[in-house]
Amino acid sequence: MSENIYDLANELERGIRALPEYQTVKEAKEKIEADEEAKKLWDEFMTFQEKIQTMMQTGQMPTPEIQQEMQDYGQKIEANPVLKQYAEAQQAFGVYINDIERIVFSPLQDLNK
């Protein structure tokens, strides 16, 4: 391979940033920052999500109360047009990221066969 692997990685990074889906997520995130209510809810949700991740990393399973709180946040996000747009944009962008991840990690999976 004549091209440096880091050059390829940097080219991929630039390509990802150039995707219309990336730009849509970026613009949706800027709308959250400009909307006080959406930003407050988003920050609360992110703190809650970190709490859940910490629980999972320590082997704890979410209680029914926490699962209900998770559903409540989902409903609040769905009801907020700014956050709903951001979530939808992230989902569309995620399709690319999942595909890229599958391609990039394919050689590692081959080694584990």
N, C-alpha and C. Protein backbone atom coordinates (compact mmCIF):
# COMPACT_ATOMS: atom_id res chain seq x y z
N MET A 1 0.86 -1.17 0.00
CA MET A 1 0.00 0.00 0.00
C MET A 1 0.90 1.23 0.00
N SER A 2 0.77 2.04 -1.01
CA SER A 2 1.64 3.20 -1.13
C SER A 2 1.14 4.38 -0.29
N GLU A 3 -0.14 4.37 0.05
CA GLU A 3 -0.70 5.47 0.81
C GLU A 3 -0.61 5.17 2.31
N ASN A 4 -0.25 6.16 3.08
CA ASN A 4 -0.15 6.02 4.53
C ASN A 4 -1.55 5.79 5.11
N ILE A 5 -1.67 4.83 6.02
CA ILE A 5 -2.97 4.50 6.62
C ILE A 5 -3.55 5.71 7.36
N TYR A 6 -2.68 6.55 7.94
CA TYR A 6 -3.17 7.74 8.63
C TYR A 6 -3.72 8.77 7.65
N ASP A 7 -3.13 8.83 6.48
CA ASP A 7 -3.67 9.72 5.45
C ASP A 7 -5.06 9.27 5.04
N LEU A 8 -5.23 7.96 4.92
CA LEU A 8 -6.55 7.42 4.58
C LEU A 8 -7.57 7.72 5.68
N ALA A 9 -7.14 7.57 6.93
CA ALA A 9 -8.04 7.86 8.06
C ALA A 9 -8.43 9.33 8.08
N ASN A 10 -7.47 10.20 7.82
CA ASN A 10 -7.77 11.64 7.78
C ASN A 10 -8.68 11.99 6.60
N GLU A 11 -8.51 11.31 5.50
CA GLU A 11 -9.38 11.52 4.35
C GLU A 11 -10.81 11.07 4.67
N LEU A 12 -10.93 9.94 5.37
CA LEU A 12 -12.24 9.46 5.80
C LEU A 12 -12.90 10.47 6.73
N GLU A 13 -12.12 11.01 7.65
CA GLU A 13 -12.65 12.01 8.59
C GLU A 13 -13.19 13.22 7.83
N ARG A 14 -12.44 13.70 6.86
CA ARG A 14 -12.90 14.85 6.06
C ARG A 14 -14.16 14.49 5.25
N GLY A 15 -14.19 13.26 4.75
CA GLY A 15 -15.36 12.81 4.00
C GLY A 15 -16.61 12.74 4.86
N ILE A 16 -16.44 12.28 6.10
CA ILE A 16 -17.58 12.21 7.02
C ILE A 16 -18.10 13.62 7.30
N ARG A 17 -17.20 14.55 7.55
CA ARG A 17 -17.62 15.93 7.83
C ARG A 17 -18.31 16.58 6.63
N ALA A 18 -18.00 16.11 5.44
CA ALA A 18 -18.59 16.68 4.23
C ALA A 18 -19.96 16.09 3.91
N LEU A 19 -20.34 15.01 4.57
CA LEU A 19 -21.64 14.40 4.30
C LEU A 19 -22.78 15.36 4.63
N PRO A 20 -23.79 15.42 3.79
CA PRO A 20 -24.96 16.27 4.10
C PRO A 20 -25.60 15.86 5.44
N GLU A 21 -25.59 14.57 5.74
CA GLU A 21 -26.18 14.09 7.00
C GLU A 21 -25.40 14.62 8.21
N TYR A 22 -24.09 14.72 8.07
CA TYR A 22 -23.27 15.29 9.15
C TYR A 22 -23.63 16.75 9.34
N GLN A 23 -23.73 17.47 8.24
CA GLN A 23 -24.07 18.89 8.30
C GLN A 23 -25.45 19.09 8.92
N THR A 24 -26.38 18.21 8.62
CA THR A 24 -27.72 18.31 9.19
C THR A 24 -27.68 18.12 10.70
N VAL A 25 -26.90 17.14 11.17
CA VAL A 25 -26.76 16.93 12.62
C VAL A 25 -26.12 18.15 13.27
N LYS A 26 -25.10 18.67 12.64
CA LYS A 26 -24.39 19.84 13.17
C LYS A 26 -25.34 21.03 13.29
N GLU A 27 -26.13 21.27 12.26
CA GLU A 27 -27.09 22.38 12.29
C GLU A 27 -28.18 22.15 13.34
N ALA A 28 -28.63 20.90 13.47
CA ALA A 28 -29.64 20.58 14.48
C ALA A 28 -29.08 20.79 15.89
N LYS A 29 -27.82 20.45 16.09
CA LYS A 29 -27.17 20.65 17.39
C LYS A 29 -27.07 22.14 17.70
N GLU A 30 -26.77 22.95 16.70
CA GLU A 30 -26.70 24.41 16.89
C GLU A 30 -28.07 24.96 17.29
N LYS A 31 -29.14 24.39 16.76
CA LYS A 31 -30.50 24.82 17.13
C LYS A 31 -30.79 24.50 18.59
N ILE A 32 -30.27 23.37 19.06
CA ILE A 32 -30.45 23.02 20.48
C ILE A 32 -29.75 24.07 21.34
N GLU A 33 -28.53 24.42 20.96
CA GLU A 33 -27.76 25.40 21.73
C GLU A 33 -28.47 26.75 21.78
N ALA A 34 -29.23 27.08 20.75
CA ALA A 34 -29.92 28.37 20.67
C ALA A 34 -31.29 28.36 21.34
N ASP A 35 -31.77 27.19 21.74
CA ASP A 35 -33.10 27.06 22.33
C ASP A 35 -32.94 26.67 23.81
N GLU A 36 -33.24 27.60 24.70
CA GLU A 36 -32.99 27.39 26.13
C GLU A 36 -33.72 26.15 26.67
N GLU A 37 -34.97 25.98 26.31
CA GLU A 37 -35.75 24.84 26.80
C GLU A 37 -35.17 23.52 26.27
N ALA A 38 -34.86 23.48 24.99
CA ALA A 38 -34.31 22.26 24.39
C ALA A 38 -32.94 21.94 24.99
N LYS A 39 -32.12 22.97 25.19
CA LYS A 39 -30.78 22.75 25.75
C LYS A 39 -30.87 22.20 27.16
N LYS A 40 -31.76 22.76 27.97
CA LYS A 40 -31.93 22.30 29.35
C LYS A 40 -32.34 20.83 29.37
N LEU A 41 -33.34 20.48 28.56
CA LEU A 41 -33.81 19.09 28.50
C LEU A 41 -32.71 18.17 27.99
N TRP A 42 -31.99 18.61 26.97
CA TRP A 42 -30.92 17.79 26.40
C TRP A 42 -29.82 17.54 27.43
N ASP A 43 -29.43 18.59 28.15
CA ASP A 43 -28.40 18.45 29.18
C ASP A 43 -28.85 17.49 30.28
N GLU A 44 -30.11 17.58 30.69
CA GLU A 44 -30.65 16.66 31.70
C GLU A 44 -30.62 15.22 31.17
N PHE A 45 -31.02 15.05 29.93
CA PHE A 45 -31.03 13.72 29.33
C PHE A 45 -29.61 13.14 29.25
N MET A 46 -28.65 13.96 28.86
CA MET A 46 -27.27 13.48 28.75
C MET A 46 -26.72 13.08 30.12
N THR A 47 -27.04 13.84 31.16
CA THR A 47 -26.63 13.49 32.53
C THR A 47 -27.27 12.16 32.93
N PHE A 48 -28.54 12.01 32.62
CA PHE A 48 -29.25 10.77 32.92
C PHE A 48 -28.62 9.60 32.17
N GLN A 49 -28.30 9.81 30.91
CA GLN A 49 -27.71 8.76 30.09
C GLN A 49 -26.34 8.34 30.64
N GLU A 50 -25.56 9.30 31.10
CA GLU A 50 -24.26 8.98 31.72
C GLU A 50 -24.45 8.12 32.96
N LYS A 51 -25.48 8.43 33.74
CA LYS A 51 -25.80 7.66 34.94
C LYS A 51 -26.10 6.21 34.57
N ILE A 52 -26.88 6.03 33.51
CA ILE A 52 -27.23 4.67 33.06
C ILE A 52 -25.98 3.93 32.58
N GLN A 53 -25.13 4.61 31.83
CA GLN A 53 -23.92 3.98 31.32
C GLN A 53 -23.01 3.55 32.47
N THR A 54 -22.91 4.39 33.49
CA THR A 54 -22.10 4.04 34.66
C THR A 54 -22.68 2.81 35.35
N MET A 55 -23.98 2.76 35.47
CA MET A 55 -24.64 1.60 36.08
C MET A 55 -24.31 0.33 35.29
N MET A 56 -24.45 0.41 33.98
CA MET A 56 -24.23 -0.75 33.12
C MET A 56 -22.78 -1.22 33.20
N GLN A 57 -21.84 -0.26 33.27
CA GLN A 57 -20.43 -0.61 33.35
C GLN A 57 -20.08 -1.29 34.66
N THR A 58 -20.85 -1.02 35.69
CA THR A 58 -20.60 -1.67 36.98
C THR A 58 -21.46 -2.91 37.17
N GLY A 59 -22.13 -3.32 36.10
CA GLY A 59 -22.91 -4.55 36.14
C GLY A 59 -24.31 -4.42 36.70
N GLN A 60 -24.74 -3.20 36.97
CA GLN A 60 -26.09 -2.98 37.49
C GLN A 60 -27.08 -2.87 36.34
N MET A 61 -28.22 -3.43 36.54
CA MET A 61 -29.28 -3.32 35.54
C MET A 61 -30.22 -2.19 35.95
N PRO A 62 -30.75 -1.45 34.97
CA PRO A 62 -31.68 -0.37 35.29
C PRO A 62 -32.92 -0.91 36.00
N THR A 63 -33.31 -0.22 37.05
CA THR A 63 -34.51 -0.59 37.79
C THR A 63 -35.74 -0.22 36.96
N PRO A 64 -36.89 -0.75 37.34
CA PRO A 64 -38.12 -0.34 36.63
C PRO A 64 -38.34 1.18 36.68
N GLU A 65 -37.95 1.82 37.78
CA GLU A 65 -38.10 3.26 37.90
C GLU A 65 -37.22 3.98 36.88
N ILE A 66 -36.01 3.50 36.74
CA ILE A 66 -35.09 4.12 35.79
C ILE A 66 -35.55 3.86 34.37
N GLN A 67 -36.08 2.67 34.11
CA GLN A 67 -36.62 2.38 32.78
C GLN A 67 -37.79 3.31 32.47
N GLN A 68 -38.62 3.59 33.48
CA GLN A 68 -39.74 4.52 33.28
C GLN A 68 -39.22 5.93 33.01
N GLU A 69 -38.19 6.32 33.74
CA GLU A 69 -37.60 7.64 33.53
C GLU A 69 -37.03 7.74 32.11
N MET A 70 -36.45 6.64 31.64
CA MET A 70 -35.91 6.60 30.28
C MET A 70 -37.04 6.81 29.26
N GLN A 71 -38.17 6.15 29.47
CA GLN A 71 -39.32 6.33 28.58
C GLN A 71 -39.84 7.76 28.65
N ASP A 72 -39.85 8.32 29.85
CA ASP A 72 -40.32 9.70 30.02
C ASP A 72 -39.45 10.67 29.23
N TYR A 73 -38.13 10.47 29.31
CA TYR A 73 -37.22 11.34 28.53
C TYR A 73 -37.48 11.15 27.03
N GLY A 74 -37.69 9.93 26.61
CA GLY A 74 -37.98 9.68 25.20
C GLY A 74 -39.20 10.44 24.74
N GLN A 75 -40.23 10.45 25.56
CA GLN A 75 -41.46 11.17 25.22
C GLN A 75 -41.24 12.68 25.20
N LYS A 76 -40.47 13.18 26.17
CA LYS A 76 -40.19 14.61 26.21
C LYS A 76 -39.38 15.04 24.98
N ILE A 77 -38.42 14.24 24.60
CA ILE A 77 -37.59 14.56 23.43
C ILE A 77 -38.45 14.52 22.17
N GLU A 78 -39.29 13.51 22.08
CA GLU A 78 -40.19 13.39 20.92
C GLU A 78 -41.15 14.58 20.83
N ALA A 79 -41.54 15.13 21.97
CA ALA A 79 -42.49 16.25 22.00
C ALA A 79 -41.84 17.60 21.71
N ASN A 80 -40.50 17.66 21.82
CA ASN A 80 -39.80 18.91 21.56
C ASN A 80 -39.32 18.90 20.11
N PRO A 81 -39.85 19.78 19.26
CA PRO A 81 -39.51 19.75 17.83
C PRO A 81 -38.01 19.88 17.55
N VAL A 82 -37.30 20.69 18.33
CA VAL A 82 -35.87 20.88 18.11
C VAL A 82 -35.11 19.60 18.42
N LEU A 83 -35.45 18.96 19.53
CA LEU A 83 -34.77 17.72 19.91
C LEU A 83 -35.19 16.55 19.02
N LYS A 84 -36.44 16.56 18.61
CA LYS A 84 -36.90 15.50 17.70
C LYS A 84 -36.14 15.58 16.38
N GLN A 85 -35.97 16.79 15.86
CA GLN A 85 -35.23 16.97 14.61
C GLN A 85 -33.79 16.48 14.78
N TYR A 86 -33.18 16.80 15.92
CA TYR A 86 -31.80 16.37 16.19
C TYR A 86 -31.71 14.85 16.26
N ALA A 87 -32.64 14.22 16.95
CA ALA A 87 -32.64 12.76 17.07
C ALA A 87 -32.81 12.10 15.71
N GLU A 88 -33.69 12.63 14.89
CA GLU A 88 -33.90 12.08 13.55
C GLU A 88 -32.65 12.26 12.67
N ALA A 89 -32.01 13.42 12.80
CA ALA A 89 -30.79 13.68 12.03
C ALA A 89 -29.67 12.74 12.47
N GLN A 90 -29.56 12.53 13.77
CA GLN A 90 -28.55 11.60 14.28
C GLN A 90 -28.79 10.18 13.77
N GLN A 91 -30.03 9.80 13.72
CA GLN A 91 -30.38 8.46 13.24
C GLN A 91 -29.98 8.28 11.78
N ALA A 92 -30.26 9.27 10.95
CA ALA A 92 -29.88 9.19 9.53
C ALA A 92 -28.37 9.16 9.37
N PHE A 93 -27.67 9.97 10.15
CA PHE A 93 -26.21 10.01 10.10
C PHE A 93 -25.62 8.69 10.61
N GLY A 94 -26.28 8.11 11.60
CA GLY A 94 -25.83 6.86 12.20
C GLY A 94 -25.75 5.71 11.22
N VAL A 95 -26.57 5.73 10.19
CA VAL A 95 -26.53 4.69 9.17
C VAL A 95 -25.15 4.67 8.52
N TYR A 96 -24.63 5.84 8.18
CA TYR A 96 -23.28 5.93 7.59
C TYR A 96 -22.23 5.43 8.58
N ILE A 97 -22.33 5.90 9.81
CA ILE A 97 -21.33 5.54 10.82
C ILE A 97 -21.32 4.04 11.05
N ASN A 98 -22.48 3.43 11.14
CA ASN A 98 -22.55 1.97 11.32
C ASN A 98 -21.93 1.23 10.15
N ASP A 99 -22.21 1.68 8.94
CA ASP A 99 -21.62 1.05 7.76
C ASP A 99 -20.10 1.20 7.74
N ILE A 100 -19.63 2.40 8.06
CA ILE A 100 -18.19 2.65 8.08
C ILE A 100 -17.52 1.80 9.16
N GLU A 101 -18.14 1.74 10.31
CA GLU A 101 -17.60 0.92 11.40
C GLU A 101 -17.50 -0.54 10.98
N ARG A 102 -18.52 -1.04 10.33
CA ARG A 102 -18.51 -2.43 9.86
C ARG A 102 -17.35 -2.67 8.89
N ILE A 103 -17.15 -1.74 7.98
CA ILE A 103 -16.09 -1.87 6.97
C ILE A 103 -14.71 -1.80 7.63
N VAL A 104 -14.52 -0.80 8.50
CA VAL A 104 -13.21 -0.58 9.12
C VAL A 104 -12.82 -1.74 10.02
N PHE A 105 -13.78 -2.29 10.74
CA PHE A 105 -13.46 -3.35 11.69
C PHE A 105 -13.52 -4.75 11.09
N SER A 106 -13.85 -4.83 9.83
CA SER A 106 -13.90 -6.14 9.14
C SER A 106 -12.59 -6.91 9.25
N PRO A 107 -11.43 -6.28 9.05
CA PRO A 107 -10.17 -7.04 9.18
C PRO A 107 -9.96 -7.62 10.59
N LEU A 108 -10.38 -6.88 11.61
CA LEU A 108 -10.26 -7.38 12.98
C LEU A 108 -11.16 -8.58 13.21
N GLN A 109 -12.36 -8.52 12.66
CA GLN A 109 -13.28 -9.65 12.79
C GLN A 109 -12.72 -10.88 12.07
N ASP A 110 -12.08 -10.65 10.93
CA ASP A 110 -11.45 -11.76 10.20
C ASP A 110 -10.40 -12.45 11.04
N LEU A 111 -9.67 -11.68 11.83
CA LEU A 111 -8.62 -12.25 12.68
C LEU A 111 -9.19 -13.08 13.83
N ASN A 112 -10.41 -12.80 14.19
CA ASN A 112 -11.04 -13.52 15.31
C ASN A 112 -11.83 -14.74 14.88
N LYS A 113 -11.80 -15.05 13.61
CA LYS A 113 -12.54 -16.22 13.09
C LYS A 113 -11.75 -17.48 13.32
